[in-house]
Amino acid sequence: MQRLTSNNVGITQGSRVLFSDFIDDGPMWTGTGPREHRFEVEFAESYAAVPNVMVSIAMWDSDTKTNQRMDIAAENVSETGFDLVFRTWGDSRVARVRANWMVIGPLPNEDDWDLY
């Protein structure tokens, strides 16, 4: 659990279509090549400490003739941003994905300072 002791708490949210591989026969749709997509999210303002990040699938378009496997995660989370990562494997064919995220964490406060 992250206990927020600051009166300044920031919430950032966003949404992004990560890929539309069915348009140009990309690797998520054809099932060949890299089966991972990364998108670097940068916050408009830095948090005072590493924030909590929640990611989710907002739209999922896949082939119904194959298994539907997916993993979505926030990796490399820092005060300034994170990597939004989508992965699939095996025979899964994914046409497109939209992901949403919400970030909650403490913001810098002018009263925060170090003595030494």
N, C-alpha and C. Protein backbone atom coordinates (compact mmCIF):
# COMPACT_ATOMS: atom_id res chain seq x y z
N MET A 1 0.84 -1.17 0.00
CA MET A 1 0.00 0.00 0.00
C MET A 1 0.89 1.23 0.00
N GLN A 2 0.51 2.20 -0.79
CA GLN A 2 1.21 3.49 -0.78
C GLN A 2 0.35 4.46 0.01
N ARG A 3 0.89 4.95 1.11
CA ARG A 3 0.16 5.90 1.95
C ARG A 3 0.53 7.31 1.49
N LEU A 4 -0.48 8.09 1.08
CA LEU A 4 -0.25 9.45 0.61
C LEU A 4 -0.36 10.40 1.79
N THR A 5 0.75 11.05 2.12
CA THR A 5 0.75 11.98 3.25
C THR A 5 0.72 13.43 2.78
N SER A 6 0.78 13.63 1.50
CA SER A 6 0.76 14.97 0.93
C SER A 6 -0.67 15.44 0.74
N ASN A 7 -0.88 16.74 0.91
CA ASN A 7 -2.19 17.32 0.60
C ASN A 7 -2.35 17.51 -0.90
N ASN A 8 -1.25 17.43 -1.63
CA ASN A 8 -1.28 17.58 -3.09
C ASN A 8 -1.19 16.21 -3.74
N VAL A 9 -2.33 15.70 -4.14
CA VAL A 9 -2.39 14.40 -4.81
C VAL A 9 -2.77 14.65 -6.26
N GLY A 10 -2.03 14.05 -7.17
CA GLY A 10 -2.32 14.21 -8.59
C GLY A 10 -2.91 12.96 -9.18
N ILE A 11 -3.80 13.15 -10.14
CA ILE A 11 -4.39 12.04 -10.89
C ILE A 11 -4.21 12.36 -12.36
N THR A 12 -3.61 11.42 -13.08
CA THR A 12 -3.42 11.55 -14.51
C THR A 12 -4.15 10.38 -15.16
N GLN A 13 -4.83 10.64 -16.27
CA GLN A 13 -5.46 9.54 -16.98
C GLN A 13 -5.30 9.76 -18.48
N GLY A 14 -5.39 8.67 -19.22
CA GLY A 14 -5.25 8.77 -20.65
C GLY A 14 -5.76 7.54 -21.35
N SER A 15 -5.78 7.62 -22.67
CA SER A 15 -6.24 6.53 -23.50
C SER A 15 -5.48 6.59 -24.82
N ARG A 16 -5.20 5.41 -25.39
CA ARG A 16 -4.45 5.38 -26.65
C ARG A 16 -4.73 4.09 -27.40
N VAL A 17 -4.96 4.22 -28.70
CA VAL A 17 -4.98 3.04 -29.55
C VAL A 17 -3.52 2.64 -29.73
N LEU A 18 -3.17 1.45 -29.28
CA LEU A 18 -1.77 1.02 -29.30
C LEU A 18 -1.33 0.58 -30.69
N PHE A 19 -2.21 -0.06 -31.42
CA PHE A 19 -1.88 -0.49 -32.78
C PHE A 19 -3.17 -0.87 -33.50
N SER A 20 -3.11 -0.85 -34.81
CA SER A 20 -4.19 -1.31 -35.70
C SER A 20 -3.55 -2.19 -36.77
N ASP A 21 -3.08 -3.36 -36.36
CA ASP A 21 -2.28 -4.22 -37.23
C ASP A 21 -3.07 -4.87 -38.36
N PHE A 22 -4.39 -4.89 -38.28
CA PHE A 22 -5.17 -5.49 -39.36
C PHE A 22 -5.11 -4.62 -40.63
N ILE A 23 -4.82 -3.34 -40.48
CA ILE A 23 -4.77 -2.42 -41.62
C ILE A 23 -3.62 -2.75 -42.57
N ASP A 24 -2.45 -3.04 -41.98
CA ASP A 24 -1.26 -3.26 -42.81
C ASP A 24 -0.61 -4.62 -42.56
N ASP A 25 -1.39 -5.60 -42.11
CA ASP A 25 -0.87 -6.95 -41.83
C ASP A 25 0.34 -6.92 -40.91
N GLY A 26 0.22 -6.16 -39.81
CA GLY A 26 1.29 -6.08 -38.82
C GLY A 26 1.42 -7.37 -38.03
N PRO A 27 2.46 -7.48 -37.19
CA PRO A 27 2.78 -8.73 -36.49
C PRO A 27 1.71 -9.21 -35.51
N MET A 28 0.97 -8.31 -34.89
CA MET A 28 -0.08 -8.75 -33.95
C MET A 28 -1.20 -9.46 -34.71
N TRP A 29 -1.44 -9.05 -35.95
CA TRP A 29 -2.52 -9.64 -36.75
C TRP A 29 -2.06 -10.90 -37.49
N THR A 30 -0.85 -10.87 -38.03
CA THR A 30 -0.37 -12.02 -38.80
C THR A 30 0.17 -13.13 -37.90
N GLY A 31 0.56 -12.78 -36.68
CA GLY A 31 1.10 -13.78 -35.75
C GLY A 31 2.57 -14.06 -35.96
N THR A 32 3.24 -13.21 -36.73
CA THR A 32 4.68 -13.39 -36.94
C THR A 32 5.40 -12.12 -36.52
N GLY A 33 6.65 -12.27 -36.14
CA GLY A 33 7.42 -11.11 -35.72
C GLY A 33 7.21 -10.79 -34.25
N PRO A 34 7.62 -9.59 -33.82
CA PRO A 34 7.49 -9.20 -32.41
C PRO A 34 6.02 -9.18 -32.00
N ARG A 35 5.74 -9.77 -30.87
CA ARG A 35 4.36 -9.83 -30.38
C ARG A 35 4.21 -8.97 -29.14
N GLU A 36 4.99 -7.89 -29.10
CA GLU A 36 4.94 -6.95 -27.98
C GLU A 36 4.90 -5.54 -28.55
N HIS A 37 4.07 -4.70 -27.95
CA HIS A 37 4.02 -3.29 -28.35
C HIS A 37 4.21 -2.44 -27.09
N ARG A 38 5.10 -1.45 -27.17
CA ARG A 38 5.37 -0.55 -26.05
C ARG A 38 5.05 0.88 -26.45
N PHE A 39 4.47 1.61 -25.50
CA PHE A 39 4.21 3.03 -25.70
C PHE A 39 4.68 3.77 -24.45
N GLU A 40 5.52 4.76 -24.64
CA GLU A 40 6.05 5.53 -23.51
C GLU A 40 5.08 6.66 -23.16
N VAL A 41 4.58 6.62 -21.93
CA VAL A 41 3.68 7.65 -21.42
C VAL A 41 4.51 8.61 -20.58
N GLU A 42 4.47 9.89 -20.92
CA GLU A 42 5.17 10.91 -20.15
C GLU A 42 4.13 11.80 -19.47
N PHE A 43 4.30 12.02 -18.17
CA PHE A 43 3.37 12.87 -17.43
C PHE A 43 3.63 14.33 -17.75
N ALA A 44 2.58 15.15 -17.74
CA ALA A 44 2.71 16.58 -17.97
C ALA A 44 3.52 17.24 -16.85
N GLU A 45 3.37 16.72 -15.64
CA GLU A 45 4.13 17.18 -14.47
C GLU A 45 4.68 15.97 -13.74
N SER A 46 5.83 16.14 -13.12
CA SER A 46 6.43 15.04 -12.35
C SER A 46 5.71 14.87 -11.02
N TYR A 47 5.63 13.64 -10.57
CA TYR A 47 5.13 13.33 -9.23
C TYR A 47 6.28 13.46 -8.24
N ALA A 48 5.96 13.62 -6.97
CA ALA A 48 6.97 13.75 -5.92
C ALA A 48 7.62 12.40 -5.59
N ALA A 49 6.92 11.32 -5.86
CA ALA A 49 7.41 9.96 -5.64
C ALA A 49 6.82 9.08 -6.74
N VAL A 50 7.29 7.86 -6.82
CA VAL A 50 6.76 6.95 -7.84
C VAL A 50 5.26 6.73 -7.57
N PRO A 51 4.41 7.04 -8.54
CA PRO A 51 2.96 6.92 -8.34
C PRO A 51 2.46 5.49 -8.60
N ASN A 52 1.21 5.26 -8.27
CA ASN A 52 0.54 4.01 -8.58
C ASN A 52 -0.09 4.13 -9.97
N VAL A 53 0.07 3.11 -10.79
CA VAL A 53 -0.45 3.13 -12.16
C VAL A 53 -1.35 1.93 -12.37
N MET A 54 -2.53 2.18 -12.93
CA MET A 54 -3.45 1.11 -13.29
C MET A 54 -3.71 1.21 -14.78
N VAL A 55 -3.55 0.10 -15.51
CA VAL A 55 -3.81 0.07 -16.94
C VAL A 55 -4.90 -0.95 -17.22
N SER A 56 -5.66 -0.72 -18.29
CA SER A 56 -6.73 -1.64 -18.66
C SER A 56 -6.95 -1.61 -20.16
N ILE A 57 -7.59 -2.65 -20.66
CA ILE A 57 -7.99 -2.71 -22.06
C ILE A 57 -9.33 -1.99 -22.18
N ALA A 58 -9.40 -1.03 -23.10
CA ALA A 58 -10.64 -0.30 -23.33
C ALA A 58 -11.34 -0.80 -24.61
N MET A 59 -10.56 -1.33 -25.54
CA MET A 59 -11.12 -1.89 -26.77
C MET A 59 -10.22 -3.03 -27.22
N TRP A 60 -10.85 -4.15 -27.59
CA TRP A 60 -10.12 -5.37 -27.94
C TRP A 60 -10.78 -5.93 -29.20
N ASP A 61 -10.04 -5.98 -30.28
CA ASP A 61 -10.55 -6.48 -31.55
C ASP A 61 -9.64 -7.63 -31.98
N SER A 62 -10.17 -8.85 -31.98
CA SER A 62 -9.32 -10.01 -32.27
C SER A 62 -10.06 -11.02 -33.14
N ASP A 63 -9.31 -11.94 -33.72
CA ASP A 63 -9.84 -13.00 -34.55
C ASP A 63 -10.52 -14.03 -33.64
N THR A 64 -11.73 -14.41 -33.97
CA THR A 64 -12.47 -15.37 -33.13
C THR A 64 -12.08 -16.82 -33.41
N LYS A 65 -11.26 -17.05 -34.45
CA LYS A 65 -10.88 -18.42 -34.81
C LYS A 65 -9.64 -18.89 -34.06
N THR A 66 -9.00 -17.99 -33.28
CA THR A 66 -7.79 -18.36 -32.55
C THR A 66 -8.00 -18.06 -31.07
N ASN A 67 -7.10 -18.57 -30.25
CA ASN A 67 -7.15 -18.27 -28.82
C ASN A 67 -6.90 -16.79 -28.58
N GLN A 68 -7.56 -16.26 -27.58
CA GLN A 68 -7.41 -14.84 -27.27
C GLN A 68 -6.55 -14.69 -26.02
N ARG A 69 -5.26 -14.42 -26.24
CA ARG A 69 -4.29 -14.28 -25.15
C ARG A 69 -3.78 -12.86 -25.15
N MET A 70 -3.66 -12.29 -23.96
CA MET A 70 -3.07 -10.96 -23.88
C MET A 70 -2.58 -10.68 -22.49
N ASP A 71 -1.62 -9.77 -22.46
CA ASP A 71 -1.06 -9.28 -21.20
C ASP A 71 -0.86 -7.79 -21.39
N ILE A 72 -1.34 -7.00 -20.44
CA ILE A 72 -1.12 -5.56 -20.49
C ILE A 72 -0.58 -5.14 -19.13
N ALA A 73 0.43 -4.27 -19.16
CA ALA A 73 1.10 -3.90 -17.91
C ALA A 73 1.72 -2.52 -18.01
N ALA A 74 1.95 -1.93 -16.86
CA ALA A 74 2.75 -0.70 -16.74
C ALA A 74 4.12 -1.13 -16.25
N GLU A 75 5.15 -0.80 -17.01
CA GLU A 75 6.52 -1.16 -16.63
C GLU A 75 7.37 0.11 -16.57
N ASN A 76 8.48 0.02 -15.85
CA ASN A 76 9.43 1.13 -15.71
C ASN A 76 8.74 2.40 -15.20
N VAL A 77 7.89 2.24 -14.19
CA VAL A 77 7.16 3.38 -13.64
C VAL A 77 8.13 4.27 -12.86
N SER A 78 8.06 5.58 -13.14
CA SER A 78 8.89 6.56 -12.43
C SER A 78 8.04 7.80 -12.15
N GLU A 79 8.66 8.79 -11.54
CA GLU A 79 7.95 10.04 -11.24
C GLU A 79 7.56 10.81 -12.50
N THR A 80 8.18 10.48 -13.62
CA THR A 80 7.95 11.24 -14.86
C THR A 80 7.17 10.48 -15.93
N GLY A 81 6.94 9.18 -15.74
CA GLY A 81 6.19 8.43 -16.74
C GLY A 81 6.31 6.93 -16.56
N PHE A 82 5.84 6.18 -17.57
CA PHE A 82 5.91 4.72 -17.53
C PHE A 82 5.80 4.18 -18.95
N ASP A 83 6.11 2.90 -19.10
CA ASP A 83 5.93 2.21 -20.37
C ASP A 83 4.64 1.41 -20.31
N LEU A 84 3.74 1.64 -21.25
CA LEU A 84 2.52 0.87 -21.39
C LEU A 84 2.84 -0.27 -22.35
N VAL A 85 2.70 -1.52 -21.87
CA VAL A 85 3.17 -2.68 -22.64
C VAL A 85 2.01 -3.65 -22.87
N PHE A 86 1.81 -4.02 -24.14
CA PHE A 86 0.84 -5.03 -24.52
C PHE A 86 1.58 -6.20 -25.16
N ARG A 87 1.23 -7.42 -24.76
CA ARG A 87 1.85 -8.62 -25.32
C ARG A 87 0.77 -9.65 -25.66
N THR A 88 1.05 -10.41 -26.71
CA THR A 88 0.26 -11.58 -27.01
C THR A 88 1.21 -12.67 -27.47
N TRP A 89 0.73 -13.90 -27.59
CA TRP A 89 1.62 -15.01 -27.95
C TRP A 89 0.78 -16.14 -28.55
N GLY A 90 1.49 -17.17 -28.96
CA GLY A 90 0.83 -18.34 -29.54
C GLY A 90 0.14 -17.99 -30.85
N ASP A 91 -1.04 -18.57 -31.08
CA ASP A 91 -1.76 -18.34 -32.33
C ASP A 91 -2.72 -17.15 -32.27
N SER A 92 -2.69 -16.40 -31.20
CA SER A 92 -3.60 -15.24 -31.07
C SER A 92 -3.37 -14.24 -32.18
N ARG A 93 -4.47 -13.75 -32.74
CA ARG A 93 -4.41 -12.72 -33.80
C ARG A 93 -5.20 -11.52 -33.29
N VAL A 94 -4.48 -10.44 -33.05
CA VAL A 94 -5.10 -9.23 -32.49
C VAL A 94 -5.09 -8.15 -33.56
N ALA A 95 -6.26 -7.64 -33.89
CA ALA A 95 -6.39 -6.62 -34.92
C ALA A 95 -6.02 -5.25 -34.39
N ARG A 96 -6.57 -4.91 -33.23
CA ARG A 96 -6.24 -3.61 -32.62
C ARG A 96 -6.62 -3.62 -31.14
N VAL A 97 -5.98 -2.70 -30.41
CA VAL A 97 -6.19 -2.58 -28.97
C VAL A 97 -6.13 -1.11 -28.59
N ARG A 98 -7.06 -0.71 -27.73
CA ARG A 98 -6.98 0.61 -27.09
C ARG A 98 -6.83 0.37 -25.59
N ALA A 99 -5.89 1.09 -24.99
CA ALA A 99 -5.63 0.95 -23.56
C ALA A 99 -5.93 2.26 -22.84
N ASN A 100 -6.41 2.14 -21.62
CA ASN A 100 -6.63 3.29 -20.74
C ASN A 100 -5.69 3.17 -19.55
N TRP A 101 -5.37 4.30 -18.94
CA TRP A 101 -4.57 4.26 -17.72
C TRP A 101 -5.01 5.36 -16.77
N MET A 102 -4.76 5.09 -15.48
CA MET A 102 -4.98 6.07 -14.43
C MET A 102 -3.78 6.02 -13.49
N VAL A 103 -3.28 7.19 -13.15
CA VAL A 103 -2.11 7.31 -12.30
C VAL A 103 -2.50 8.17 -11.10
N ILE A 104 -2.15 7.71 -9.90
CA ILE A 104 -2.44 8.46 -8.67
C ILE A 104 -1.16 8.51 -7.84
N GLY A 105 -0.79 9.71 -7.41
CA GLY A 105 0.41 9.83 -6.60
C GLY A 105 0.57 11.22 -6.01
N PRO A 106 1.54 11.38 -5.12
CA PRO A 106 1.77 12.67 -4.47
C PRO A 106 2.45 13.65 -5.42
N LEU A 107 2.03 14.89 -5.36
CA LEU A 107 2.64 15.95 -6.15
C LEU A 107 3.62 16.73 -5.27
N PRO A 108 4.61 17.36 -5.88
CA PRO A 108 5.53 18.20 -5.09
C PRO A 108 4.76 19.33 -4.41
N ASN A 109 5.24 19.71 -3.24
CA ASN A 109 4.62 20.79 -2.47
C ASN A 109 5.71 21.79 -2.13
N GLU A 110 5.42 23.05 -2.20
CA GLU A 110 6.42 24.08 -1.90
C GLU A 110 6.90 24.00 -0.45
N ASP A 111 6.14 23.37 0.43
CA ASP A 111 6.55 23.20 1.82
C ASP A 111 7.45 22.00 2.04
N ASP A 112 7.65 21.18 1.01
CA ASP A 112 8.54 20.02 1.10
C ASP A 112 9.97 20.47 0.84
N TRP A 113 10.85 20.23 1.79
CA TRP A 113 12.27 20.59 1.60
C TRP A 113 13.10 19.70 2.51
N ASP A 114 14.34 19.54 2.12
CA ASP A 114 15.28 18.72 2.89
C ASP A 114 16.19 19.63 3.70
N LEU A 115 16.45 19.23 4.95
CA LEU A 115 17.36 20.01 5.78
C LEU A 115 18.80 19.80 5.36
N TYR A 116 19.15 18.61 4.99
CA TYR A 116 20.53 18.30 4.67
C TYR A 116 20.62 17.53 3.38
